[in-house]
Amino acid sequence: MNDAHRRLDDLKATARPARRPATTARSGVALRLEDVLGGFETICRGRRCWLVETSLEALRVAHRVTPDKLAVPLHHALGADGPAVLEPRRTLVLDIETGGFSGAPVFLIGVVPLGRRPLRVVQWLARDYPEEDGILRAFAALAEAHDTWVTFNGKSFDEPFLHDRATVHHVPLLPPALHVDLLHAARRQWRASLPNCRLVTLEQEILGRQRIGDVPSSDVPDLFHHFIRTGNPAPLGPVLEHNRLDLVACTELLLRLSRRAP
């Protein structure tokens, strides 16, 4: 058993039966979402969800995601449609987490709005299945002013998934005017020199770091459904961190694949 799966089993073991508040094993004190994740309840267009914002300042040096580089237009020349100029004030780095099966909800939407200072990860969490409506409305409101999306495999997954779920909930979600898919760009740039262009490979070979103890993507849906069944928020901490790490990696890859616009 690897470390990630051992951590998964440990997290599951802390849960309590459904309909009972989750408590710590030693004190019996109920675990609250704000204590585990931080954040607070927010309302967007009449729908509730949970909002967590995390500053990137602590990661700034380690990940080289510096505000000065992201404050100017970026010239992205590796897309299939030719060169494009990304305006930070209109650009979102985007990554989602879903329930993992056909027709499953999206339960976590994470973004880095490149025009905001200080740079931060913004995450909307659905605390139950109906709150998917709330996180979709919150994202749609932000997307109205951010018509450039940066994703990793998002043209095949994130964008169509979000639009499908928005249609289910009758949420008007505008498609991006420009969508930069870093997977496609990475393949054009590095496929001849790398065994593959998975995000974990790019982090190790291009960004020069390796994730330690990260929750595997395949375990993320199970952790969310476990939270829904038990009310125990402990397993969600690693899920939100996994999403943040993906967003930081995508932000740094965008810098590696772009230059300042002339």
C-alpha atoms as a PDB file:
ATOM      1  CA  MET A   1       0.000   0.000   0.000  1.00  0.00           C
ATOM      2  CA  ASN A   2       1.466   3.376  -0.965  1.00  0.00           C
ATOM      3  CA  ASP A   3       1.451   6.456   1.266  1.00  0.00           C
ATOM      4  CA  ALA A   4      -1.426   8.129  -0.576  1.00  0.00           C
ATOM      5  CA  HIS A   5      -3.747   5.147  -0.160  1.00  0.00           C
ATOM      6  CA  ARG A   6      -2.699   4.768   3.482  1.00  0.00           C
ATOM      7  CA  ARG A   7      -3.660   8.410   4.051  1.00  0.00           C
ATOM      8  CA  LEU A   8      -6.982   7.762   2.319  1.00  0.00           C
ATOM      9  CA  ASP A   9      -7.728   4.851   4.630  1.00  0.00           C
ATOM     10  CA  ASP A  10      -6.742   6.926   7.672  1.00  0.00           C
ATOM     11  CA  LEU A  11      -9.061   9.744   6.619  1.00  0.00           C
ATOM     12  CA  LYS A  12     -11.966   7.378   6.087  1.00  0.00           C
ATOM     13  CA  ALA A  13     -11.391   5.830   9.494  1.00  0.00           C
ATOM     14  CA  THR A  14     -12.089   9.142  11.218  1.00  0.00           C
ATOM     15  CA  ALA A  15     -15.669   9.296   9.891  1.00  0.00           C
ATOM     16  CA  ARG A  16     -18.879   8.807  11.875  1.00  0.00           C
ATOM     17  CA  PRO A  17     -22.137   7.302  10.646  1.00  0.00           C
ATOM     18  CA  ALA A  18     -24.403   9.385   8.461  1.00  0.00           C
ATOM     19  CA  ARG A  19     -26.761  11.881  10.139  1.00  0.00           C
ATOM     20  CA  ARG A  20     -24.389  12.215  13.099  1.00  0.00           C
ATOM     21  CA  PRO A  21     -21.940  15.121  13.427  1.00  0.00           C
ATOM     22  CA  ALA A  22     -18.367  14.126  12.668  1.00  0.00           C
ATOM     23  CA  THR A  23     -16.195  14.286  15.784  1.00  0.00           C
ATOM     24  CA  THR A  24     -12.530  13.945  16.586  1.00  0.00           C
ATOM     25  CA  ALA A  25     -11.617  10.543  17.980  1.00  0.00           C
ATOM     26  CA  ARG A  26     -10.025  11.924  21.176  1.00  0.00           C
ATOM     27  CA  SER A  27     -12.118  14.905  22.225  1.00  0.00           C
ATOM     28  CA  GLY A  28     -15.527  14.105  20.754  1.00  0.00           C
ATOM     29  CA  VAL A  29     -15.727  17.696  19.495  1.00  0.00           C
ATOM     30  CA  ALA A  30     -17.624  18.061  16.217  1.00  0.00           C
ATOM     31  CA  LEU A  31     -15.471  18.770  13.179  1.00  0.00           C
ATOM     32  CA  ARG A  32     -16.615  21.929  11.461  1.00  0.00           C
ATOM     33  CA  LEU A  33     -16.020  22.673   7.803  1.00  0.00           C
ATOM     34  CA  GLU A  34     -14.424  26.033   8.587  1.00  0.00           C
ATOM     35  CA  ASP A  35     -11.973  24.394  10.992  1.00  0.00           C
ATOM     36  CA  VAL A  36     -10.878  21.826   8.422  1.00  0.00           C
ATOM     37  CA  LEU A  37     -10.932  23.896   5.236  1.00  0.00           C
ATOM     38  CA  GLY A  38     -11.199  27.506   6.286  1.00  0.00           C
ATOM     39  CA  GLY A  39     -13.554  29.638   4.251  1.00  0.00           C
ATOM     40  CA  PHE A  40     -17.172  30.619   4.743  1.00  0.00           C
ATOM     41  CA  GLU A  41     -20.653  30.275   3.293  1.00  0.00           C
ATOM     42  CA  THR A  42     -21.403  32.612   0.410  1.00  0.00           C
ATOM     43  CA  ILE A  43     -24.516  33.362  -1.626  1.00  0.00           C
ATOM     44  CA  CYS A  44     -24.393  34.074  -5.353  1.00  0.00           C
ATOM     45  CA  ARG A  45     -27.579  34.906  -7.223  1.00  0.00           C
ATOM     46  CA  GLY A  46     -29.684  33.379  -4.489  1.00  0.00           C
ATOM     47  CA  ARG A  47     -27.757  30.092  -4.208  1.00  0.00           C
ATOM     48  CA  ARG A  48     -25.476  29.019  -1.362  1.00  0.00           C
ATOM     49  CA  CYS A  49     -22.108  27.288  -1.437  1.00  0.00           C
ATOM     50  CA  TRP A  50     -18.817  27.277   0.477  1.00  0.00           C
ATOM     51  CA  LEU A  51     -15.998  29.634  -0.543  1.00  0.00           C
ATOM     52  CA  VAL A  52     -12.308  29.121   0.258  1.00  0.00           C
ATOM     53  CA  GLU A  53      -9.665  31.628  -0.829  1.00  0.00           C
ATOM     54  CA  THR A  54      -5.967  30.851  -0.434  1.00  0.00           C
ATOM     55  CA  SER A  55      -3.169  33.329  -1.058  1.00  0.00           C
ATOM     56  CA  LEU A  56      -0.347  32.156  -3.303  1.00  0.00           C
ATOM     57  CA  GLU A  57       2.175  34.308  -1.449  1.00  0.00           C
ATOM     58  CA  ALA A  58       3.422  31.353   0.595  1.00  0.00           C
ATOM     59  CA  LEU A  59       4.029  29.424  -2.623  1.00  0.00           C
ATOM     60  CA  ARG A  60       5.420  32.357  -4.582  1.00  0.00           C
ATOM     61  CA  VAL A  61       9.142  31.578  -4.207  1.00  0.00           C
ATOM     62  CA  ALA A  62       8.875  27.792  -4.380  1.00  0.00           C
ATOM     63  CA  HIS A  63       6.719  27.800  -7.502  1.00  0.00           C
ATOM     64  CA  ARG A  64       8.038  30.963  -9.186  1.00  0.00           C
ATOM     65  CA  VAL A  65       4.480  32.197  -9.756  1.00  0.00           C
ATOM     66  CA  THR A  66       5.372  35.849  -9.350  1.00  0.00           C
ATOM     67  CA  PRO A  67       2.853  38.679  -9.596  1.00  0.00           C
ATOM     68  CA  ASP A  68       5.095  40.825 -11.805  1.00  0.00           C
ATOM     69  CA  LYS A  69       5.167  38.173 -14.527  1.00  0.00           C
ATOM     70  CA  LEU A  70       1.405  37.749 -14.393  1.00  0.00           C
ATOM     71  CA  ALA A  71       0.591  41.460 -14.349  1.00  0.00           C
ATOM     72  CA  VAL A  72       1.403  42.027 -18.030  1.00  0.00           C
ATOM     73  CA  PRO A  73      -0.161  40.592 -21.196  1.00  0.00           C
ATOM     74  CA  LEU A  74       1.283  37.207 -22.137  1.00  0.00           C
ATOM     75  CA  HIS A  75       2.019  36.127 -25.690  1.00  0.00           C
ATOM     76  CA  HIS A  76       0.991  32.506 -26.073  1.00  0.00           C
ATOM     77  CA  ALA A  77       2.258  31.107 -29.363  1.00  0.00           C
ATOM     78  CA  LEU A  78       1.739  27.359 -28.991  1.00  0.00           C
ATOM     79  CA  GLY A  79      -1.963  26.975 -29.682  1.00  0.00           C
ATOM     80  CA  ALA A  80      -3.420  25.162 -32.665  1.00  0.00           C
ATOM     81  CA  ASP A  81      -5.027  28.408 -33.823  1.00  0.00           C
ATOM     82  CA  GLY A  82      -1.808  30.381 -33.781  1.00  0.00           C
ATOM     83  CA  PRO A  83      -0.530  33.139 -31.474  1.00  0.00           C
ATOM     84  CA  ALA A  84      -2.793  34.686 -28.869  1.00  0.00           C
ATOM     85  CA  VAL A  85      -2.402  37.470 -26.321  1.00  0.00           C
ATOM     86  CA  LEU A  86      -3.709  36.728 -22.831  1.00  0.00           C
ATOM     87  CA  GLU A  87      -4.836  39.737 -20.802  1.00  0.00           C
ATOM     88  CA  PRO A  88      -4.475  38.880 -17.084  1.00  0.00           C
ATOM     89  CA  ARG A  89      -7.554  40.882 -16.077  1.00  0.00           C
ATOM     90  CA  ARG A  90      -9.668  38.676 -18.372  1.00  0.00           C
ATOM     91  CA  THR A  91      -7.964  35.345 -17.653  1.00  0.00           C
ATOM     92  CA  LEU A  92      -8.846  32.485 -15.310  1.00  0.00           C
ATOM     93  CA  VAL A  93      -6.721  29.424 -14.638  1.00  0.00           C
ATOM     94  CA  LEU A  94      -9.378  26.753 -14.048  1.00  0.00           C
ATOM     95  CA  ASP A  95      -9.586  23.235 -12.633  1.00  0.00           C
ATOM     96  CA  ILE A  96     -12.615  21.257 -11.460  1.00  0.00           C
ATOM     97  CA  GLU A  97     -13.285  18.139  -9.368  1.00  0.00           C
ATOM     98  CA  THR A  98     -16.273  15.926 -10.098  1.00  0.00           C
ATOM     99  CA  GLY A  99     -18.197  12.987  -8.680  1.00  0.00           C
ATOM    100  CA  GLY A 100     -16.369  10.692 -11.054  1.00  0.00           C
ATOM    101  CA  PHE A 101     -19.106   8.968 -13.065  1.00  0.00           C
ATOM    102  CA  SER A 102     -21.324   9.796 -16.015  1.00  0.00           C
ATOM    103  CA  GLY A 103     -23.849  12.439 -15.024  1.00  0.00           C
ATOM    104  CA  ALA A 104     -22.057  13.081 -11.731  1.00  0.00           C
ATOM    105  CA  PRO A 105     -22.054  16.586 -10.250  1.00  0.00           C
ATOM    106  CA  VAL A 106     -19.129  18.940 -10.228  1.00  0.00           C
ATOM    107  CA  PHE A 107     -18.518  19.603  -6.544  1.00  0.00           C
ATOM    108  CA  LEU A 108     -15.422  21.807  -6.595  1.00  0.00           C
ATOM    109  CA  ILE A 109     -14.486  24.622  -8.979  1.00  0.00           C
ATOM    110  CA  GLY A 110     -11.071  26.185  -8.467  1.00  0.00           C
ATOM    111  CA  VAL A 111      -9.721  29.239 -10.276  1.00  0.00           C
ATOM    112  CA  VAL A 112      -6.785  31.619 -10.184  1.00  0.00           C
ATOM    113  CA  PRO A 113      -7.963  35.000 -11.535  1.00  0.00           C
ATOM    114  CA  LEU A 114      -4.719  36.365 -12.967  1.00  0.00           C
ATOM    115  CA  GLY A 115      -5.817  39.981 -12.672  1.00  0.00           C
ATOM    116  CA  ARG A 116      -6.336  39.943  -8.897  1.00  0.00           C
ATOM    117  CA  ARG A 117      -3.724  41.070  -6.403  1.00  0.00           C
ATOM    118  CA  PRO A 118      -2.556  39.442  -4.293  1.00  0.00           C
ATOM    119  CA  LEU A 119      -2.699  36.290  -6.394  1.00  0.00           C
ATOM    120  CA  ARG A 120      -4.975  33.704  -4.824  1.00  0.00           C
ATOM    121  CA  VAL A 121      -6.756  30.441  -5.466  1.00  0.00           C
ATOM    122  CA  VAL A 122     -10.541  30.802  -5.273  1.00  0.00           C
ATOM    123  CA  GLN A 123     -12.467  27.563  -4.669  1.00  0.00           C
ATOM    124  CA  TRP A 124     -16.226  27.038  -4.569  1.00  0.00           C
ATOM    125  CA  LEU A 125     -17.309  23.840  -2.822  1.00  0.00           C
ATOM    126  CA  ALA A 126     -20.717  22.144  -2.933  1.00  0.00           C
ATOM    127  CA  ARG A 127     -21.473  20.826   0.551  1.00  0.00           C
ATOM    128  CA  ASP A 128     -24.185  18.559  -0.821  1.00  0.00           C
ATOM    129  CA  TYR A 129     -25.426  17.580  -4.268  1.00  0.00           C
ATOM    130  CA  PRO A 130     -27.987  20.424  -4.626  1.00  0.00           C
ATOM    131  CA  GLU A 131     -25.271  23.030  -3.957  1.00  0.00           C
ATOM    132  CA  GLU A 132     -23.779  22.215  -7.352  1.00  0.00           C
ATOM    133  CA  ASP A 133     -26.218  24.879  -8.551  1.00  0.00           C
ATOM    134  CA  GLY A 134     -24.560  27.414  -6.244  1.00  0.00           C
ATOM    135  CA  ILE A 135     -20.977  26.798  -7.332  1.00  0.00           C
ATOM    136  CA  LEU A 136     -21.981  26.892 -10.997  1.00  0.00           C
ATOM    137  CA  ARG A 137     -23.704  30.250 -10.508  1.00  0.00           C
ATOM    138  CA  ALA A 138     -20.695  31.634  -8.648  1.00  0.00           C
ATOM    139  CA  PHE A 139     -18.352  30.556 -11.414  1.00  0.00           C
ATOM    140  CA  ALA A 140     -20.668  31.826 -14.146  1.00  0.00           C
ATOM    141  CA  ALA A 141     -20.769  35.254 -12.489  1.00  0.00           C
ATOM    142  CA  LEU A 142     -16.968  35.454 -12.462  1.00  0.00           C
ATOM    143  CA  ALA A 143     -16.708  34.108 -16.016  1.00  0.00           C
ATOM    144  CA  GLU A 144     -18.796  36.996 -17.307  1.00  0.00           C
ATOM    145  CA  ALA A 145     -15.775  39.260 -16.834  1.00  0.00           C
ATOM    146  CA  HIS A 146     -13.146  36.596 -17.610  1.00  0.00           C
ATOM    147  CA  ASP A 147     -13.539  35.281 -21.136  1.00  0.00           C
ATOM    148  CA  THR A 148     -10.091  33.632 -21.344  1.00  0.00           C
ATOM    149  CA  TRP A 149      -9.734  30.215 -19.697  1.00  0.00           C
ATOM    150  CA  VAL A 150      -6.497  28.336 -19.068  1.00  0.00           C
ATOM    151  CA  THR A 151      -6.888  24.629 -18.265  1.00  0.00           C
ATOM    152  CA  PHE A 152      -5.116  21.296 -18.482  1.00  0.00           C
ATOM    153  CA  ASN A 153      -7.122  18.996 -20.763  1.00  0.00           C
ATOM    154  CA  GLY A 154      -9.991  21.405 -20.264  1.00  0.00           C
ATOM    155  CA  LYS A 155     -11.132  21.522 -23.870  1.00  0.00           C
ATOM    156  CA  SER A 156     -11.978  17.825 -23.656  1.00  0.00           C
ATOM    157  CA  PHE A 157     -13.119  17.714 -20.025  1.00  0.00           C
ATOM    158  CA  ASP A 158     -13.561  20.848 -17.885  1.00  0.00           C
ATOM    159  CA  GLU A 159     -15.306  23.102 -20.397  1.00  0.00           C
ATOM    160  CA  PRO A 160     -17.850  20.589 -21.770  1.00  0.00           C
ATOM    161  CA  PHE A 161     -18.466  19.186 -18.272  1.00  0.00           C
ATOM    162  CA  LEU A 162     -19.205  22.632 -16.855  1.00  0.00           C
ATOM    163  CA  HIS A 163     -21.519  23.517 -19.707  1.00  0.00           C
ATOM    164  CA  ASP A 164     -23.377  20.201 -19.394  1.00  0.00           C
ATOM    165  CA  ARG A 165     -23.912  20.691 -15.666  1.00  0.00           C
ATOM    166  CA  ALA A 166     -24.870  24.349 -16.168  1.00  0.00           C
ATOM    167  CA  THR A 167     -27.517  23.228 -18.649  1.00  0.00           C
ATOM    168  CA  VAL A 168     -28.919  20.770 -16.089  1.00  0.00           C
ATOM    169  CA  HIS A 169     -29.333  23.594 -13.566  1.00  0.00           C
ATOM    170  CA  HIS A 170     -30.408  26.233 -16.106  1.00  0.00           C
ATOM    171  CA  VAL A 171     -27.360  28.352 -15.295  1.00  0.00           C
ATOM    172  CA  PRO A 172     -26.362  30.722 -18.113  1.00  0.00           C
ATOM    173  CA  LEU A 173     -22.629  30.066 -18.557  1.00  0.00           C
ATOM    174  CA  LEU A 174     -20.861  31.924 -21.336  1.00  0.00           C
ATOM    175  CA  PRO A 175     -18.273  29.929 -23.308  1.00  0.00           C
ATOM    176  CA  PRO A 176     -14.756  31.380 -23.246  1.00  0.00           C
ATOM    177  CA  ALA A 177     -13.732  33.603 -26.132  1.00  0.00           C
ATOM    178  CA  LEU A 178     -10.254  32.082 -25.832  1.00  0.00           C
ATOM    179  CA  HIS A 179      -9.408  28.722 -24.256  1.00  0.00           C
ATOM    180  CA  VAL A 180      -5.743  27.810 -23.799  1.00  0.00           C
ATOM    181  CA  ASP A 181      -5.405  24.085 -23.127  1.00  0.00           C
ATOM    182  CA  LEU A 182      -1.972  23.514 -21.611  1.00  0.00           C
ATOM    183  CA  LEU A 183      -2.037  19.796 -22.398  1.00  0.00           C
ATOM    184  CA  HIS A 184      -2.098  20.512 -26.120  1.00  0.00           C
ATOM    185  CA  ALA A 185       0.577  23.188 -25.784  1.00  0.00           C
ATOM    186  CA  ALA A 186       2.793  20.915 -23.672  1.00  0.00           C
ATOM    187  CA  ARG A 187       2.558  18.123 -26.227  1.00  0.00           C
ATOM    188  CA  ARG A 188       3.711  20.462 -28.985  1.00  0.00           C
ATOM    189  CA  GLN A 189       6.586  21.719 -26.878  1.00  0.00           C
ATOM    190  CA  TRP A 190       7.852  18.621 -25.048  1.00  0.00           C
ATOM    191  CA  ARG A 191       6.368  15.382 -26.399  1.00  0.00           C
ATOM    192  CA  ALA A 192       9.622  14.519 -28.199  1.00  0.00           C
ATOM    193  CA  SER A 193      11.638  14.727 -24.983  1.00  0.00           C
ATOM    194  CA  LEU A 194       9.237  13.331 -22.367  1.00  0.00           C
ATOM    195  CA  PRO A 195       7.708   9.878 -21.866  1.00  0.00           C
ATOM    196  CA  ASN A 196       4.261  11.521 -21.653  1.00  0.00           C
ATOM    197  CA  CYS A 197       2.690  14.896 -20.975  1.00  0.00           C
ATOM    198  CA  ARG A 198       0.648  14.078 -17.899  1.00  0.00           C
ATOM    199  CA  LEU A 199       0.561  16.929 -15.399  1.00  0.00           C
ATOM    200  CA  VAL A 200       2.537  14.949 -12.817  1.00  0.00           C
ATOM    201  CA  THR A 201       5.241  14.271 -15.424  1.00  0.00           C
ATOM    202  CA  LEU A 202       5.417  17.928 -16.430  1.00  0.00           C
ATOM    203  CA  GLU A 203       5.717  18.949 -12.783  1.00  0.00           C
ATOM    204  CA  GLN A 204       8.631  16.584 -12.274  1.00  0.00           C
ATOM    205  CA  GLU A 205      10.483  17.043 -15.553  1.00  0.00           C
ATOM    206  CA  ILE A 206       9.716  20.671 -16.464  1.00  0.00           C
ATOM    207  CA  LEU A 207       8.890  22.383 -13.181  1.00  0.00           C
ATOM    208  CA  GLY A 208      11.472  20.396 -11.243  1.00  0.00           C
ATOM    209  CA  ARG A 209       9.402  19.146  -8.324  1.00  0.00           C
ATOM    210  CA  GLN A 210       7.516  16.033  -7.242  1.00  0.00           C
ATOM    211  CA  ARG A 211       4.330  15.924  -5.205  1.00  0.00           C
ATOM    212  CA  ILE A 212       4.662  14.118  -1.889  1.00  0.00           C
ATOM    213  CA  GLY A 213       1.559  12.637  -0.272  1.00  0.00           C
ATOM    214  CA  ASP A 214      -0.878  14.093  -2.801  1.00  0.00           C
ATOM    215  CA  VAL A 215      -4.261  12.381  -3.093  1.00  0.00           C
ATOM    216  CA  PRO A 216      -4.529  10.540  -6.436  1.00  0.00           C
ATOM    217  CA  SER A 217      -7.131  11.993  -8.792  1.00  0.00           C
ATOM    218  CA  SER A 218      -8.878   8.620  -8.884  1.00  0.00           C
ATOM    219  CA  ASP A 219      -9.594   8.853  -5.122  1.00  0.00           C
ATOM    220  CA  VAL A 220     -11.087  12.350  -5.190  1.00  0.00           C
ATOM    221  CA  PRO A 221     -14.699  11.332  -6.034  1.00  0.00           C
ATOM    222  CA  ASP A 222     -14.686   8.694  -3.295  1.00  0.00           C
ATOM    223  CA  LEU A 223     -13.559  11.244  -0.719  1.00  0.00           C
ATOM    224  CA  PHE A 224     -16.343  13.638  -1.689  1.00  0.00           C
ATOM    225  CA  HIS A 225     -19.085  10.997  -1.608  1.00  0.00           C
ATOM    226  CA  HIS A 226     -17.703   9.825   1.741  1.00  0.00           C
ATOM    227  CA  PHE A 227     -18.123  13.374   3.087  1.00  0.00           C
ATOM    228  CA  ILE A 228     -21.699  13.487   1.796  1.00  0.00           C
ATOM    229  CA  ARG A 229     -22.538  10.159   3.474  1.00  0.00           C
ATOM    230  CA  THR A 230     -20.924  10.880   6.849  1.00  0.00           C
ATOM    231  CA  GLY A 231     -20.737  14.646   7.263  1.00  0.00           C
ATOM    232  CA  ASN A 232     -17.054  14.274   8.138  1.00  0.00           C
ATOM    233  CA  PRO A 233     -15.138  17.121   6.420  1.00  0.00           C
ATOM    234  CA  ALA A 234     -11.655  15.722   7.156  1.00  0.00           C
ATOM    235  CA  PRO A 235     -11.255  13.962   3.776  1.00  0.00           C
ATOM    236  CA  LEU A 236     -11.988  17.213   1.934  1.00  0.00           C
ATOM    237  CA  GLY A 237      -8.789  18.898   3.114  1.00  0.00           C
ATOM    238  CA  PRO A 238      -6.537  16.826   0.821  1.00  0.00           C
ATOM    239  CA  VAL A 239      -9.042  17.232  -2.022  1.00  0.00           C
ATOM    240  CA  LEU A 240      -8.893  21.029  -1.925  1.00  0.00           C
ATOM    241  CA  GLU A 241      -5.102  20.887  -1.619  1.00  0.00           C
ATOM    242  CA  HIS A 242      -4.928  18.598  -4.663  1.00  0.00           C
ATOM    243  CA  ASN A 243      -7.002  21.107  -6.610  1.00  0.00           C
ATOM    244  CA  ARG A 244      -4.770  23.984  -5.456  1.00  0.00           C
ATOM    245  CA  LEU A 245      -1.625  22.118  -6.511  1.00  0.00           C
ATOM    246  CA  ASP A 246      -3.110  21.519  -9.961  1.00  0.00           C
ATOM    247  CA  LEU A 247      -3.906  25.219 -10.300  1.00  0.00           C
ATOM    248  CA  VAL A 248      -0.441  26.324  -9.187  1.00  0.00           C
ATOM    249  CA  ALA A 249       1.170  23.881 -11.632  1.00  0.00           C
ATOM    250  CA  CYS A 250      -1.015  25.143 -14.482  1.00  0.00           C
ATOM    251  CA  THR A 251      -0.200  28.762 -13.643  1.00  0.00           C
ATOM    252  CA  GLU A 252       3.517  28.042 -13.726  1.00  0.00           C
ATOM    253  CA  LEU A 253       3.243  26.021 -16.941  1.00  0.00           C
ATOM    254  CA  LEU A 254       1.434  28.934 -18.544  1.00  0.00           C
ATOM    255  CA  LEU A 255       4.445  31.124 -17.746  1.00  0.00           C
ATOM    256  CA  ARG A 256       6.843  28.534 -19.152  1.00  0.00           C
ATOM    257  CA  LEU A 257       4.814  28.326 -22.379  1.00  0.00           C
ATOM    258  CA  SER A 258       4.372  32.063 -22.841  1.00  0.00           C
ATOM    259  CA  ARG A 259       6.351  35.255 -23.001  1.00  0.00           C
ATOM    260  CA  ARG A 260       5.535  38.915 -22.528  1.00  0.00           C
ATOM    261  CA  ALA A 261       3.471  40.227 -25.380  1.00  0.00           C
ATOM    262  CA  PRO A 262       5.363  42.635 -27.660  1.00  0.00           C
END
